[in-house]
Each structure stands twice: as C-alpha cells, then as structure tokens.
Amino acid sequence: MAAFGLPMGGELWVILIIVLVLFGPSQLPKLAKMFGESAKALKEGLQEGLDEDETKSEPAKSEEKSSEKTE
C-alpha cells in the first residue's frame, strides 16, 4: 500500500465502484467528456503560456544581438 502514491489494484476498483454508484451509468460518459475537455484546455493553456514566454524572451535576445553589432 502506497502512503501518498497513486491508487493501485483493489483501491482503484473501489474508487471506480464509488464513482459508478454516485454518478450512475448514464452520467459516466458526460463526466468522462468533461474531464477530457478540461485536460485539453489545460494543455492548450500551458502551451500558450510557454509560447508567450518564448516571445517575451526573443526581443531581449534581438536587442542583445543589435547592441553587439553596433559595438
């Protein structure tokens, strides 16, 4: 049994059964779709943040190169 790790084996089955009882079989596809859309939005947001950081650092590099050329 992992103290703070991911659930394994029997623990995972218990969690899945509890989710099934709480939401019912008709709600599981909607729940899965919602989680999928959330994961996709998170990935897109992270990528936009990385792209934004790269564009902010590019002008600083351009300024350094232009100052080197003028010296």
C-alpha atoms as a PDB file:
ATOM      1  CA  MET A   1       0.000   0.000   0.000  1.00  0.00           C
ATOM      2  CA  ALA A   2       1.464   3.321  -1.092  1.00  0.00           C
ATOM      3  CA  ALA A   3       1.274   6.054   1.534  1.00  0.00           C
ATOM      4  CA  PHE A   4       0.832   9.002  -0.822  1.00  0.00           C
ATOM      5  CA  GLY A   5       1.100   7.370  -4.232  1.00  0.00           C
ATOM      6  CA  LEU A   6      -1.434   6.580  -6.892  1.00  0.00           C
ATOM      7  CA  PRO A   7      -4.147   4.041  -6.076  1.00  0.00           C
ATOM      8  CA  MET A   8      -3.303   0.552  -7.293  1.00  0.00           C
ATOM      9  CA  GLY A   9      -5.226  -2.667  -7.815  1.00  0.00           C
ATOM     10  CA  GLY A  10      -8.037  -3.059  -5.305  1.00  0.00           C
ATOM     11  CA  GLU A  11      -8.020   0.603  -4.317  1.00  0.00           C
ATOM     12  CA  LEU A  12      -8.664   1.600  -7.917  1.00  0.00           C
ATOM     13  CA  TRP A  13     -11.602  -0.782  -8.196  1.00  0.00           C
ATOM     14  CA  VAL A  14     -13.159   0.597  -5.003  1.00  0.00           C
ATOM     15  CA  ILE A  15     -12.836   4.146  -6.314  1.00  0.00           C
ATOM     16  CA  LEU A  16     -14.397   3.187  -9.663  1.00  0.00           C
ATOM     17  CA  ILE A  17     -17.328   1.463  -7.938  1.00  0.00           C
ATOM     18  CA  ILE A  18     -17.936   4.504  -5.722  1.00  0.00           C
ATOM     19  CA  VAL A  19     -17.909   6.798  -8.778  1.00  0.00           C
ATOM     20  CA  LEU A  20     -20.350   4.494 -10.547  1.00  0.00           C
ATOM     21  CA  VAL A  21     -22.707   4.479  -7.556  1.00  0.00           C
ATOM     22  CA  LEU A  22     -22.527   8.249  -7.084  1.00  0.00           C
ATOM     23  CA  PHE A  23     -22.998   9.305 -10.704  1.00  0.00           C
ATOM     24  CA  GLY A  24     -24.787   6.329 -12.239  1.00  0.00           C
ATOM     25  CA  PRO A  25     -24.052   4.665 -15.548  1.00  0.00           C
ATOM     26  CA  SER A  26     -25.920   7.290 -17.580  1.00  0.00           C
ATOM     27  CA  GLN A  27     -23.736  10.154 -16.263  1.00  0.00           C
ATOM     28  CA  LEU A  28     -20.338   8.473 -16.736  1.00  0.00           C
ATOM     29  CA  PRO A  29     -19.956   9.384 -20.446  1.00  0.00           C
ATOM     30  CA  LYS A  30     -20.780  13.030 -19.675  1.00  0.00           C
ATOM     31  CA  LEU A  31     -18.302  13.007 -16.796  1.00  0.00           C
ATOM     32  CA  ALA A  32     -15.567  11.482 -18.974  1.00  0.00           C
ATOM     33  CA  LYS A  33     -16.207  14.067 -21.702  1.00  0.00           C
ATOM     34  CA  MET A  34     -15.984  16.876 -19.157  1.00  0.00           C
ATOM     35  CA  PHE A  35     -12.640  15.568 -17.846  1.00  0.00           C
ATOM     36  CA  GLY A  36     -11.330  15.203 -21.401  1.00  0.00           C
ATOM     37  CA  GLU A  37     -12.270  18.773 -22.301  1.00  0.00           C
ATOM     38  CA  SER A  38     -10.692  20.042 -19.083  1.00  0.00           C
ATOM     39  CA  ALA A  39      -7.449  18.203 -19.805  1.00  0.00           C
ATOM     40  CA  LYS A  40      -7.391  19.574 -23.359  1.00  0.00           C
ATOM     41  CA  ALA A  41      -7.984  23.129 -22.131  1.00  0.00           C
ATOM     42  CA  LEU A  42      -5.208  22.723 -19.556  1.00  0.00           C
ATOM     43  CA  LYS A  43      -2.737  21.518 -22.195  1.00  0.00           C
ATOM     44  CA  GLU A  44      -3.670  24.394 -24.523  1.00  0.00           C
ATOM     45  CA  GLY A  45      -3.278  26.916 -21.711  1.00  0.00           C
ATOM     46  CA  LEU A  46       0.123  25.552 -20.768  1.00  0.00           C
ATOM     47  CA  GLN A  47       1.254  25.662 -24.392  1.00  0.00           C
ATOM     48  CA  GLU A  48       0.038  29.262 -24.767  1.00  0.00           C
ATOM     49  CA  GLY A  49       1.954  30.201 -21.624  1.00  0.00           C
ATOM     50  CA  LEU A  50       5.114  28.602 -22.946  1.00  0.00           C
ATOM     51  CA  ASP A  51       4.707  30.314 -26.320  1.00  0.00           C
ATOM     52  CA  GLU A  52       4.126  33.647 -24.587  1.00  0.00           C
ATOM     53  CA  ASP A  53       7.285  33.228 -22.501  1.00  0.00           C
ATOM     54  CA  GLU A  54       9.306  32.438 -25.629  1.00  0.00           C
ATOM     55  CA  THR A  55       8.048  35.548 -27.446  1.00  0.00           C
ATOM     56  CA  LYS A  56       8.874  37.732 -24.439  1.00  0.00           C
ATOM     57  CA  SER A  57      12.434  36.433 -24.324  1.00  0.00           C
ATOM     58  CA  GLU A  58      13.022  36.784 -28.095  1.00  0.00           C
ATOM     59  CA  PRO A  59      13.005  40.633 -28.188  1.00  0.00           C
ATOM     60  CA  ALA A  60      15.586  40.711 -25.398  1.00  0.00           C
ATOM     61  CA  LYS A  61      17.835  38.412 -27.435  1.00  0.00           C
ATOM     62  CA  SER A  62      17.347  40.609 -30.520  1.00  0.00           C
ATOM     63  CA  GLU A  63      18.327  43.706 -28.538  1.00  0.00           C
ATOM     64  CA  GLU A  64      21.478  41.962 -27.288  1.00  0.00           C
ATOM     65  CA  LYS A  65      22.471  40.995 -30.844  1.00  0.00           C
ATOM     66  CA  SER A  66      21.866  44.518 -32.178  1.00  0.00           C
ATOM     67  CA  SER A  67      23.914  46.078 -29.384  1.00  0.00           C
ATOM     68  CA  GLU A  68      26.765  43.671 -30.141  1.00  0.00           C
ATOM     69  CA  LYS A  69      26.710  44.684 -33.817  1.00  0.00           C
ATOM     70  CA  THR A  70      26.923  48.414 -33.017  1.00  0.00           C
ATOM     71  CA  GLU A  71      29.979  47.993 -30.786  1.00  0.00           C
END
